[in-house]
Protein backbone atom coordinates (compact mmCIF):
# COMPACT_ATOMS: atom_id res chain seq x y z
CA MET A 1 52.86 156.22 32.74
CA SER A 2 53.34 158.71 35.40
CA LYS A 3 50.64 157.81 37.97
CA SER A 4 52.53 154.25 38.31
CA ALA A 5 55.90 156.07 38.19
CA SER A 6 54.78 158.07 40.77
CA LYS A 7 53.75 155.59 43.05
CA PHE A 8 56.80 153.28 42.26
CA GLN A 9 58.90 156.13 43.28
CA LYS A 10 57.51 156.78 46.39
CA VAL A 11 57.74 153.15 47.40
CA LEU A 12 60.99 152.36 45.85
CA MET A 13 63.27 155.47 46.05
CA SER A 14 62.20 155.71 50.00
CA TRP A 15 63.86 152.81 51.13
CA VAL A 16 67.10 153.13 48.78
CA TYR A 17 67.57 156.71 49.88
CA ARG A 18 66.74 157.08 53.16
CA GLY A 19 69.00 158.38 55.56
CA LYS A 20 70.98 159.62 52.66
CA GLU A 21 70.86 163.33 52.97
CA ILE A 22 70.36 163.02 48.87
CA PHE A 23 66.95 164.60 48.75
CA LYS A 24 66.54 167.82 50.68
CA PRO A 25 62.87 169.65 49.30
CA LEU A 26 62.04 172.62 50.23
CA ASN A 27 58.32 171.99 52.34
CA THR A 28 55.08 173.92 50.59
CA GLY A 29 55.65 178.35 51.25
CA ALA A 30 56.96 181.29 50.18
CA ILE A 31 60.39 182.36 49.02
CA ASN A 32 59.42 185.67 49.03
CA GLU A 33 56.18 187.75 46.60
CA ARG A 34 57.74 186.73 43.82
CA VAL A 35 58.38 182.72 44.03
CA ARG A 36 56.32 180.11 45.93
CA CYS A 37 56.75 176.53 46.33
CA ILE A 38 54.50 173.30 46.16
CA ARG A 39 56.75 170.03 48.08
CA GLU A 40 55.76 167.10 46.37
CA TYR A 41 57.42 164.31 47.86
CA VAL A 42 61.31 165.10 47.21
CA ALA A 43 60.42 166.98 44.36
CA ASN A 44 59.53 170.75 44.39
CA ILE A 45 57.31 172.81 42.01
CA PHE A 46 57.48 176.48 41.94
CA PHE A 47 55.56 179.66 40.49
CA TYR A 48 56.45 183.15 39.59
CA THR A 49 54.19 185.61 40.28
CA LYS A 50 54.56 189.28 39.03
CA GLY A 51 51.47 191.67 38.30
CA SER A 52 48.38 189.49 37.98
CA THR A 53 50.15 186.98 36.29
CA THR A 54 51.65 183.38 37.74
CA ILE A 55 54.13 181.41 35.42
CA MET A 56 54.67 177.76 36.93
CA ILE A 57 58.23 175.81 36.51
CA ASP A 58 58.23 172.39 36.23
CA ALA A 59 54.86 169.97 36.85
CA GLY A 60 55.78 167.75 39.54
CA TYR A 61 54.50 163.89 40.35
CA SER A 62 51.29 163.09 39.44
CA TYR A 63 50.28 164.06 42.63
CA ASP A 64 47.25 163.45 44.52
CA ARG A 65 47.57 166.58 46.82
CA LEU A 66 48.71 169.32 44.43
CA GLN A 67 45.19 171.43 44.28
CA GLU A 68 45.34 170.82 48.10
CA LYS A 69 48.55 172.16 48.11
CA MET A 70 48.27 174.55 45.68
CA ASP A 71 45.20 176.09 47.89
CA TRP A 72 47.32 176.76 50.98
CA LEU A 73 49.19 179.18 48.28
CA GLY A 74 46.47 180.89 46.86
CA ILE A 75 46.62 179.52 43.68
CA ASP A 76 44.04 178.32 41.06
CA PRO A 77 45.43 175.89 38.63
CA LYS A 78 42.49 177.88 36.31
CA ASP A 79 44.79 180.60 36.24
CA ILE A 80 48.18 178.79 34.95
CA GLN A 81 48.22 179.54 31.57
CA HIS A 82 52.27 179.33 31.46
CA ILE A 83 53.94 176.17 31.99
CA LEU A 84 58.03 176.04 32.01
CA ILE A 85 59.77 172.52 31.56
CA THR A 86 63.30 172.09 32.31
CA HIS A 87 63.25 168.33 31.61
CA LEU A 88 60.69 165.96 30.77
CA ASP A 89 61.75 163.22 34.48
CA THR A 90 58.10 162.42 36.04
CA ASP A 91 58.73 163.94 38.81
CA HIS A 92 58.68 167.51 36.40
CA ILE A 93 56.27 166.58 34.09
CA GLY A 94 53.54 164.29 36.35
CA ALA A 95 50.86 166.81 36.28
CA ILE A 96 50.36 167.44 32.65
CA GLU A 97 51.24 163.52 31.76
CA SER A 98 48.61 162.50 29.35
CA ASP A 99 47.07 160.20 32.69
CA SER A 100 47.32 163.18 35.11
CA ASP A 101 44.38 164.54 36.76
CA GLN A 102 44.54 167.52 33.83
CA LEU A 103 44.63 170.90 36.03
CA PHE A 104 46.58 172.31 33.05
CA SER A 105 45.27 171.17 30.09
CA HIS A 106 44.48 174.49 29.12
CA ALA A 107 48.10 175.65 29.58
CA GLN A 108 50.71 176.42 27.20
CA VAL A 109 54.09 174.39 28.13
CA TYR A 110 57.46 175.67 26.87
CA ILE A 111 59.94 172.52 26.43
CA GLY A 112 63.70 173.09 25.18
CA ASP A 113 64.11 171.94 21.53
CA VAL A 114 66.24 169.41 22.15
CA GLU A 115 64.76 168.05 25.10
CA ASN A 116 62.04 167.63 23.06
CA ARG A 117 63.43 164.43 21.58
CA TYR A 118 62.06 162.33 24.36
CA LEU A 119 58.05 163.36 23.72
CA THR A 120 59.06 162.38 19.91
CA GLY A 121 60.51 159.17 20.83
CA GLU A 122 63.90 159.79 19.43
CA VAL A 123 65.88 159.35 22.39
CA ARG A 124 64.81 157.45 25.29
CA ARG A 125 65.78 158.47 29.20
CA ARG A 126 68.20 156.49 30.64
CA VAL A 127 69.16 156.24 33.85
CA MET A 128 71.91 154.20 36.93
CA ASN A 129 74.33 154.71 34.27
CA GLY A 130 72.14 153.53 31.15
CA TRP A 131 71.24 150.50 32.72
CA PHE A 132 67.57 151.66 32.73
CA LYS A 133 65.22 152.59 29.69
CA LEU A 134 62.31 154.59 30.99
CA PRO A 135 58.79 154.84 29.63
CA LYS A 136 58.17 157.41 26.82
CA VAL A 137 56.27 160.52 27.96
CA ASN A 138 52.93 161.75 26.47
CA ILE A 139 51.89 165.69 27.15
CA PRO A 140 48.86 166.72 25.26
CA ASN A 141 49.24 170.23 26.25
CA LYS A 142 49.77 172.58 23.44
CA LYS A 143 53.69 172.88 23.25
CA THR A 144 56.15 175.59 22.65
CA LEU A 145 59.97 174.47 21.37
CA LEU A 146 62.57 176.80 22.67
CA HIS A 147 66.00 177.48 21.95
CA ASP A 148 69.22 178.02 24.14
CA GLY A 149 69.57 181.24 24.74
CA GLU A 150 65.75 182.41 23.55
CA VAL A 151 64.39 184.90 25.92
CA LEU A 152 60.97 185.56 26.38
CA ASP A 153 58.68 188.24 27.09
CA ILE A 154 55.67 186.90 28.99
CA ASP A 155 53.24 189.97 30.24
CA GLY A 156 56.73 192.05 31.32
CA ILE A 157 58.20 188.48 32.61
CA LYS A 158 61.67 188.22 31.07
CA ILE A 159 62.06 184.87 30.86
CA GLU A 160 65.33 183.08 28.96
CA THR A 161 66.47 179.37 28.32
CA ILE A 162 70.01 178.17 28.83
CA LEU A 163 70.51 175.31 27.43
CA VAL A 164 72.90 172.70 30.20
CA PRO A 165 72.41 169.09 28.81
CA GLY A 166 73.98 165.86 31.10
CA HIS A 167 71.06 165.54 33.61
CA THR A 168 69.19 164.60 30.53
CA TRP A 169 70.30 165.87 27.08
CA GLY A 170 68.20 168.51 26.73
CA HIS A 171 67.88 170.22 30.14
CA VAL A 172 67.17 174.19 30.67
CA VAL A 173 67.43 176.35 33.17
CA TYR A 174 65.46 179.24 33.17
CA LEU A 175 66.72 182.51 34.52
CA ILE A 176 63.75 184.71 34.67
CA ASP A 177 63.98 188.78 35.30
CA ASP A 178 67.72 188.41 36.17
CA GLU A 179 67.03 188.08 39.38
CA TYR A 180 65.79 183.96 39.61
CA LEU A 181 67.50 181.22 38.17
CA PHE A 182 65.54 177.64 38.16
CA THR A 183 68.19 175.30 38.05
CA ALA A 184 65.90 171.71 38.71
CA ASP A 185 68.20 168.55 38.22
CA THR A 186 71.74 170.22 36.94
CA ILE A 187 72.52 171.64 40.67
CA TRP A 188 73.11 169.31 44.21
CA LEU A 189 73.37 171.72 47.06
CA GLY A 190 75.29 170.16 49.89
CA ALA A 191 76.04 171.63 53.32
CA ASP A 192 78.78 172.76 51.76
CA GLY A 193 78.03 174.92 48.16
CA GLY A 194 76.75 172.99 45.01
CA TYR A 195 77.56 170.01 43.31
CA SER A 196 76.63 168.35 39.60
CA PHE A 197 73.32 166.75 40.45
CA ILE A 198 72.85 163.08 41.12
CA ASN A 199 75.33 160.95 39.64
CA LYS A 200 73.22 157.41 38.95
CA LEU A 201 70.28 159.66 37.42
CA ALA A 202 72.85 161.59 34.93
CA GLU A 203 72.97 161.08 30.94
CA ASP A 204 76.54 161.89 30.81
CA ASN A 205 78.03 163.19 33.86
CA LYS A 206 81.03 164.88 32.31
CA LEU A 207 78.86 167.03 30.03
CA ALA A 208 77.05 167.86 33.07
CA VAL A 209 79.76 169.27 34.77
CA GLU A 210 80.64 171.20 31.42
CA SER A 211 77.22 172.73 31.74
CA LEU A 212 77.77 174.32 35.03
CA ALA A 213 80.95 175.49 34.03
CA LYS A 214 79.01 177.56 30.96
CA LEU A 215 76.43 178.42 33.08
CA GLU A 216 78.57 180.12 35.59
CA GLY A 217 80.50 181.57 33.06
CA ILE A 218 76.88 183.11 32.02
CA LEU A 219 75.78 184.41 34.99
CA ARG A 220 79.63 185.96 36.03
CA GLN A 221 80.13 187.41 32.97
CA ARG A 222 76.74 189.47 33.36
CA GLY A 223 77.67 190.58 36.89
CA LEU A 224 74.67 188.48 38.20
CA ASN A 225 74.15 186.79 41.67
CA PRO A 226 70.28 185.71 41.35
CA LYS A 227 68.77 183.41 43.68
CA ILE A 228 69.29 179.81 42.49
CA ILE A 229 66.53 177.78 43.47
CA THR A 230 66.93 174.20 42.89
CA GLY A 231 64.30 171.62 42.20
CA HIS A 232 65.38 168.97 44.86
CA THR A 233 67.66 170.79 47.59
CA GLY A 234 66.67 174.11 48.20
CA TRP A 235 67.67 177.61 47.16
CA ALA A 236 71.40 179.65 47.69
CA ASP A 237 71.21 183.41 47.05
CA ASP A 238 75.00 183.23 47.21
CA ILE A 239 76.46 182.32 43.92
CA ASN A 240 80.13 180.99 45.29
CA PHE A 241 78.13 178.91 47.88
CA ALA A 242 75.86 177.21 45.08
CA PHE A 243 78.98 176.88 42.74
CA ALA A 244 81.18 176.00 44.86
CA HIS A 245 81.88 172.37 43.60
CA THR A 246 80.16 171.87 40.63
CA ASP A 247 83.26 170.04 39.36
CA GLU A 248 82.39 167.07 41.36
CA VAL A 249 79.35 164.60 40.85
CA CYS A 250 77.42 164.01 43.84
CA ASN A 251 78.18 160.42 44.68
CA VAL A 252 75.53 158.20 45.82
CA ASN A 253 77.83 155.44 46.05
CA LYS A 254 79.87 157.08 48.63
CA PRO A 255 78.88 158.20 51.75
CA VAL A 256 77.44 162.21 51.39
CA LYS A 257 81.01 164.51 52.51
CA VAL A 258 79.43 167.20 54.43
CA HIS A 259 76.41 165.95 56.87
CA ASP A 260 73.19 168.18 56.58
CA PRO A 261 71.86 168.39 60.00
CA LYS A 262 68.82 170.11 58.25
CA ALA A 263 67.82 166.92 55.82
CA PRO A 264 65.66 164.89 56.19
CA TYR A 265 65.86 161.60 57.62
CA ASP A 266 63.13 160.32 54.81
CA ALA A 267 62.55 162.53 52.07
CA TYR A 268 59.10 161.12 51.02
CA ASP A 269 57.74 161.50 54.58
CA GLU A 270 56.04 164.57 54.25
CA ARG A 271 54.55 164.94 58.03
CA ASP A 272 56.01 168.33 58.33
CA ASP A 273 54.62 169.68 55.38
CA THR A 274 51.35 171.45 56.22
CA ARG A 275 49.01 174.46 55.53
CA GLU A 276 50.22 176.04 58.75
CA SER A 277 53.71 176.23 58.64
CA ALA A 278 53.50 176.90 54.71
CA VAL A 279 51.41 180.22 55.34
CA SER A 280 53.36 181.25 58.16
CA THR A 281 57.22 180.17 57.51
CA PRO A 282 59.38 181.33 55.30
CA LEU A 283 61.46 179.33 52.95
CA LEU A 284 64.96 179.96 53.87
CA PRO A 285 68.00 180.03 51.58
CA CYS A 286 70.37 176.61 52.52
CA ASN A 287 73.46 178.95 52.89
CA ARG A 288 72.07 180.70 55.92
């Protein structure tokens, strides 16, 4: 399913969203010494390294250039033993689906227990206001199911799972070492701050907004200001910017409210994502 879905999205969504400043992925490169990023069309996957351990966050599309871009960053697929999955949409699990190149067939995959219902077939993923039902996904890797609030320790890396349903019924975010929050498709970063993610792609937009309020409350109660790293719109190092408008939804039916001159005209056009830029250009936060 993932290979055909990847090809379909590249053609259709490139045409639908061209020029609308909706998807604003980071290019391949490094945020800092801990976090590296790979661009796959409009989506980003991330690698968190501490000591000799590198954890992968999400698995992108079923993407032909993944191993090539990992090589740009000096990452060997065989070294990835742990993959954290935020949710089970094709652009976040393509590289571990059964029809992928199986670069990570040896890795342990971590998925929220609620989100796992998409794998078992108990629920089916719906988009476009529920009109379109996506095919069931299949992941052959060994899986560990995570509960809301569960904290893992992987080789001295602290990973907290926080359930934020809305985009999907079991979407989770991962707070790593209390300093990095990987939010995938919960926050959409516009030029003037964060919004709840794209309305057409949510199972329940009201629930998504409620989940963001819960997430913000957790961070503020603990006095945390982590780097907030999204799946499609870059990252921010200011909690006030990231949660500026999260009681509102990014509505693709209306013009984007605030023009973002850094947004690509066609986010599926990867010509500016090169090995040279990956090794020489730091990935700056979008709030600067």
